Structures are given as C-alpha cells and as structure tokens.
Amino acid sequence: MYKKRRIERQDLPCFLKVFNGVNDRLIGYLGNLSEHGLMLISTLPLMVGADFELHLKIPADEGSQRNIKLKATCLWCHEDVTPQHFDAGFSLHGAPPEYGQLVSALQQYFSFHSLPASA
C-alpha cells in the first residue's frame, strides 16, 4: 500500500574522496565528520597514533573542485562490515574555516526537514 512521504528522501550524490596530502594518492572516502574529527573508510588499515596530512577534494560549481587541507591524528582503526575495508577515526588539528563550512553544509543537506503540507 502506498503512503505519502512526510520527509523527502535524501541521496548522497557522490562519494567524498580523501587523499594523502604528501603523495596525492587516494586514501579512502569520508564516512562521517564533525567539527573536531572525521571517519575515513579505506581499503587499507591505517596506523593508529600516526599523524596524517589529508586533502578533501570537494566537488564545486561547473565541474571544479575545492581542496580542503587537514592535519589529523588517527585515533583508531578497525575492519568495516564490508569485506576488505577499514574504518579509521581521526582527530583534527586546527581545521580551516572551509572545513567548518563543509560540516555545516553536509549537516544541513542530510537533516530531515518536513515537506510543506499540501493544500
């Protein structure tokens, strides 16, 4: 039986890639983020306690990209439920304002807002 949605479905339009800031190689994909840290999903385990330079390459207008450079420490890493994938948690050190804007934009995009009532 069909029921009218009260909340609009939200879809992630693309994966947000995270690159190694030293060699510009893909490390993984953004799994979760907050103002003070992020979770990375990777195909390789990452060294706990190590410091990383991370680059987030964010799609922007007209096919361009915005790069956000971060310094972070890996606090934990364990196997993901997906075979051959790992989740790693990072604490950020002095994230730039662009990162805060990304956090706010993603929180707003993925928040549930009620649809206006039909007349």
C-alpha atoms as a PDB file:
ATOM      1  CA  MET A   1       0.000   0.000   0.000  1.00  0.00           C
ATOM      2  CA  TYR A   2       1.352   3.419  -0.989  1.00  0.00           C
ATOM      3  CA  LYS A   3       1.728   6.049   1.684  1.00  0.00           C
ATOM      4  CA  LYS A   4       2.677   9.651   1.041  1.00  0.00           C
ATOM      5  CA  ARG A   5       6.155  10.523   2.335  1.00  0.00           C
ATOM      6  CA  ARG A   6       6.263  13.013   5.149  1.00  0.00           C
ATOM      7  CA  ILE A   7      10.013  13.536   4.800  1.00  0.00           C
ATOM      8  CA  GLU A   8      11.832  13.832   1.479  1.00  0.00           C
ATOM      9  CA  ARG A   9      14.343  11.053   0.736  1.00  0.00           C
ATOM     10  CA  GLN A  10      17.989  12.172   0.765  1.00  0.00           C
ATOM     11  CA  ASP A  11      20.605  10.584  -1.518  1.00  0.00           C
ATOM     12  CA  LEU A  12      24.349  11.073  -1.475  1.00  0.00           C
ATOM     13  CA  PRO A  13      25.145  12.354  -4.993  1.00  0.00           C
ATOM     14  CA  CYS A  14      28.772  11.246  -4.939  1.00  0.00           C
ATOM     15  CA  PHE A  15      31.410   9.892  -2.579  1.00  0.00           C
ATOM     16  CA  LEU A  16      33.701  12.435  -0.959  1.00  0.00           C
ATOM     17  CA  LYS A  17      37.255  11.308  -1.622  1.00  0.00           C
ATOM     18  CA  VAL A  18      40.111  11.794   0.834  1.00  0.00           C
ATOM     19  CA  PHE A  19      43.692  11.954  -0.456  1.00  0.00           C
ATOM     20  CA  ASN A  20      47.131  11.680   1.133  1.00  0.00           C
ATOM     21  CA  GLY A  21      48.480  15.226   1.351  1.00  0.00           C
ATOM     22  CA  VAL A  22      52.056  14.073   0.739  1.00  0.00           C
ATOM     23  CA  ASN A  23      51.690  11.997  -2.446  1.00  0.00           C
ATOM     24  CA  ASP A  24      48.120  12.929  -3.518  1.00  0.00           C
ATOM     25  CA  ARG A  25      47.044   9.258  -3.623  1.00  0.00           C
ATOM     26  CA  LEU A  26      43.541   8.244  -2.650  1.00  0.00           C
ATOM     27  CA  ILE A  27      43.412   7.083   0.991  1.00  0.00           C
ATOM     28  CA  GLY A  28      39.682   6.478   1.198  1.00  0.00           C
ATOM     29  CA  TYR A  29      36.248   8.013   1.416  1.00  0.00           C
ATOM     30  CA  LEU A  30      34.654  10.246   4.008  1.00  0.00           C
ATOM     31  CA  GLY A  31      32.352   8.128   6.153  1.00  0.00           C
ATOM     32  CA  ASN A  32      31.400  10.618   8.839  1.00  0.00           C
ATOM     33  CA  LEU A  33      32.525  14.016  10.074  1.00  0.00           C
ATOM     34  CA  SER A  34      32.168  16.524  12.872  1.00  0.00           C
ATOM     35  CA  GLU A  35      33.788  19.824  13.750  1.00  0.00           C
ATOM     36  CA  HIS A  36      36.631  18.045  15.561  1.00  0.00           C
ATOM     37  CA  GLY A  37      37.170  14.865  13.579  1.00  0.00           C
ATOM     38  CA  LEU A  38      36.220  12.521  10.810  1.00  0.00           C
ATOM     39  CA  MET A  39      35.860   8.861   9.967  1.00  0.00           C
ATOM     40  CA  LEU A  40      37.528   7.504   6.873  1.00  0.00           C
ATOM     41  CA  ILE A  41      36.603   4.317   5.015  1.00  0.00           C
ATOM     42  CA  SER A  42      39.676   2.794   3.370  1.00  0.00           C
ATOM     43  CA  THR A  43      40.740  -0.399   1.615  1.00  0.00           C
ATOM     44  CA  LEU A  44      43.897  -0.494   3.775  1.00  0.00           C
ATOM     45  CA  PRO A  45      44.300  -0.380   7.556  1.00  0.00           C
ATOM     46  CA  LEU A  46      45.774   2.898   8.809  1.00  0.00           C
ATOM     47  CA  MET A  47      48.383   3.255  11.539  1.00  0.00           C
ATOM     48  CA  VAL A  48      46.869   4.278  14.870  1.00  0.00           C
ATOM     49  CA  GLY A  49      48.713   7.166  16.541  1.00  0.00           C
ATOM     50  CA  ALA A  50      50.209   8.400  13.257  1.00  0.00           C
ATOM     51  CA  ASP A  51      49.794  11.963  12.013  1.00  0.00           C
ATOM     52  CA  PHE A  52      48.388  12.437   8.517  1.00  0.00           C
ATOM     53  CA  GLU A  53      48.055  15.269   6.038  1.00  0.00           C
ATOM     54  CA  LEU A  54      44.665  14.790   4.422  1.00  0.00           C
ATOM     55  CA  HIS A  55      43.171  16.543   1.415  1.00  0.00           C
ATOM     56  CA  LEU A  56      39.437  16.573   0.848  1.00  0.00           C
ATOM     57  CA  LYS A  57      38.561  17.220  -2.777  1.00  0.00           C
ATOM     58  CA  ILE A  58      35.037  18.603  -2.779  1.00  0.00           C
ATOM     59  CA  PRO A  59      33.018  18.987  -5.999  1.00  0.00           C
ATOM     60  CA  ALA A  60      32.207  22.640  -6.670  1.00  0.00           C
ATOM     61  CA  ASP A  61      30.386  24.628  -9.338  1.00  0.00           C
ATOM     62  CA  GLU A  62      30.770  23.820 -13.026  1.00  0.00           C
ATOM     63  CA  GLY A  63      32.900  20.695 -12.550  1.00  0.00           C
ATOM     64  CA  SER A  64      35.611  22.403 -10.491  1.00  0.00           C
ATOM     65  CA  GLN A  65      36.947  21.252  -7.108  1.00  0.00           C
ATOM     66  CA  ARG A  66      37.635  22.817  -3.736  1.00  0.00           C
ATOM     67  CA  ASN A  67      40.559  21.363  -1.808  1.00  0.00           C
ATOM     68  CA  ILE A  68      40.500  21.363   1.977  1.00  0.00           C
ATOM     69  CA  LYS A  69      43.825  20.535   3.634  1.00  0.00           C
ATOM     70  CA  LEU A  70      43.727  18.961   7.089  1.00  0.00           C
ATOM     71  CA  LYS A  71      46.237  17.719   9.648  1.00  0.00           C
ATOM     72  CA  ALA A  72      44.908  14.832  11.682  1.00  0.00           C
ATOM     73  CA  THR A  73      45.905  12.006  14.025  1.00  0.00           C
ATOM     74  CA  CYS A  74      44.483   8.513  13.564  1.00  0.00           C
ATOM     75  CA  LEU A  75      42.890   7.519  16.899  1.00  0.00           C
ATOM     76  CA  TRP A  76      41.525   4.096  15.950  1.00  0.00           C
ATOM     77  CA  CYS A  77      41.184   1.728  13.011  1.00  0.00           C
ATOM     78  CA  HIS A  78      39.167  -1.491  12.657  1.00  0.00           C
ATOM     79  CA  GLU A  79      37.621  -3.674   9.978  1.00  0.00           C
ATOM     80  CA  ASP A  80      34.444  -2.414   8.396  1.00  0.00           C
ATOM     81  CA  VAL A  81      31.401  -4.663   7.913  1.00  0.00           C
ATOM     82  CA  THR A  82      32.252  -4.587   4.196  1.00  0.00           C
ATOM     83  CA  PRO A  83      34.955  -7.172   3.443  1.00  0.00           C
ATOM     84  CA  GLN A  84      38.426  -5.747   2.714  1.00  0.00           C
ATOM     85  CA  HIS A  85      37.518  -2.285   4.044  1.00  0.00           C
ATOM     86  CA  PHE A  86      38.575  -0.480   7.224  1.00  0.00           C
ATOM     87  CA  ASP A  87      37.115   2.378   9.260  1.00  0.00           C
ATOM     88  CA  ALA A  88      39.538   4.844  10.839  1.00  0.00           C
ATOM     89  CA  GLY A  89      38.747   7.698  13.233  1.00  0.00           C
ATOM     90  CA  PHE A  90      40.768  10.927  13.118  1.00  0.00           C
ATOM     91  CA  SER A  91      41.130  13.895  15.440  1.00  0.00           C
ATOM     92  CA  LEU A  92      41.747  17.150  13.560  1.00  0.00           C
ATOM     93  CA  HIS A  93      44.380  19.754  14.421  1.00  0.00           C
ATOM     94  CA  GLY A  94      43.310  23.328  13.650  1.00  0.00           C
ATOM     95  CA  ALA A  95      40.902  22.701  10.786  1.00  0.00           C
ATOM     96  CA  PRO A  96      40.499  25.636   8.369  1.00  0.00           C
ATOM     97  CA  PRO A  97      37.209  27.591   8.084  1.00  0.00           C
ATOM     98  CA  GLU A  98      36.397  25.768   4.818  1.00  0.00           C
ATOM     99  CA  TYR A  99      36.138  22.520   6.765  1.00  0.00           C
ATOM    100  CA  GLY A 100      33.617  24.046   9.170  1.00  0.00           C
ATOM    101  CA  GLN A 101      31.591  25.227   6.174  1.00  0.00           C
ATOM    102  CA  LEU A 102      31.643  21.676   4.764  1.00  0.00           C
ATOM    103  CA  VAL A 103      30.450  20.232   8.096  1.00  0.00           C
ATOM    104  CA  SER A 104      27.576  22.749   8.227  1.00  0.00           C
ATOM    105  CA  ALA A 105      26.610  22.156   4.592  1.00  0.00           C
ATOM    106  CA  LEU A 106      26.543  18.364   4.969  1.00  0.00           C
ATOM    107  CA  GLN A 107      24.612  18.543   8.260  1.00  0.00           C
ATOM    108  CA  GLN A 108      22.021  20.766   6.612  1.00  0.00           C
ATOM    109  CA  TYR A 109      21.824  18.608   3.462  1.00  0.00           C
ATOM    110  CA  PHE A 110      21.316  15.377   5.391  1.00  0.00           C
ATOM    111  CA  SER A 111      18.935  16.780   8.015  1.00  0.00           C
ATOM    112  CA  PHE A 112      15.335  15.746   7.815  1.00  0.00           C
ATOM    113  CA  HIS A 113      13.044  18.646   7.079  1.00  0.00           C
ATOM    114  CA  SER A 114       9.303  18.136   6.875  1.00  0.00           C
ATOM    115  CA  LEU A 115       7.739  18.725   3.485  1.00  0.00           C
ATOM    116  CA  PRO A 116       5.175  21.526   3.313  1.00  0.00           C
ATOM    117  CA  ALA A 117       1.600  20.325   3.810  1.00  0.00           C
ATOM    118  CA  SER A 118      -0.441  20.009   0.612  1.00  0.00           C
ATOM    119  CA  ALA A 119      -3.315  22.408   0.217  1.00  0.00           C
END
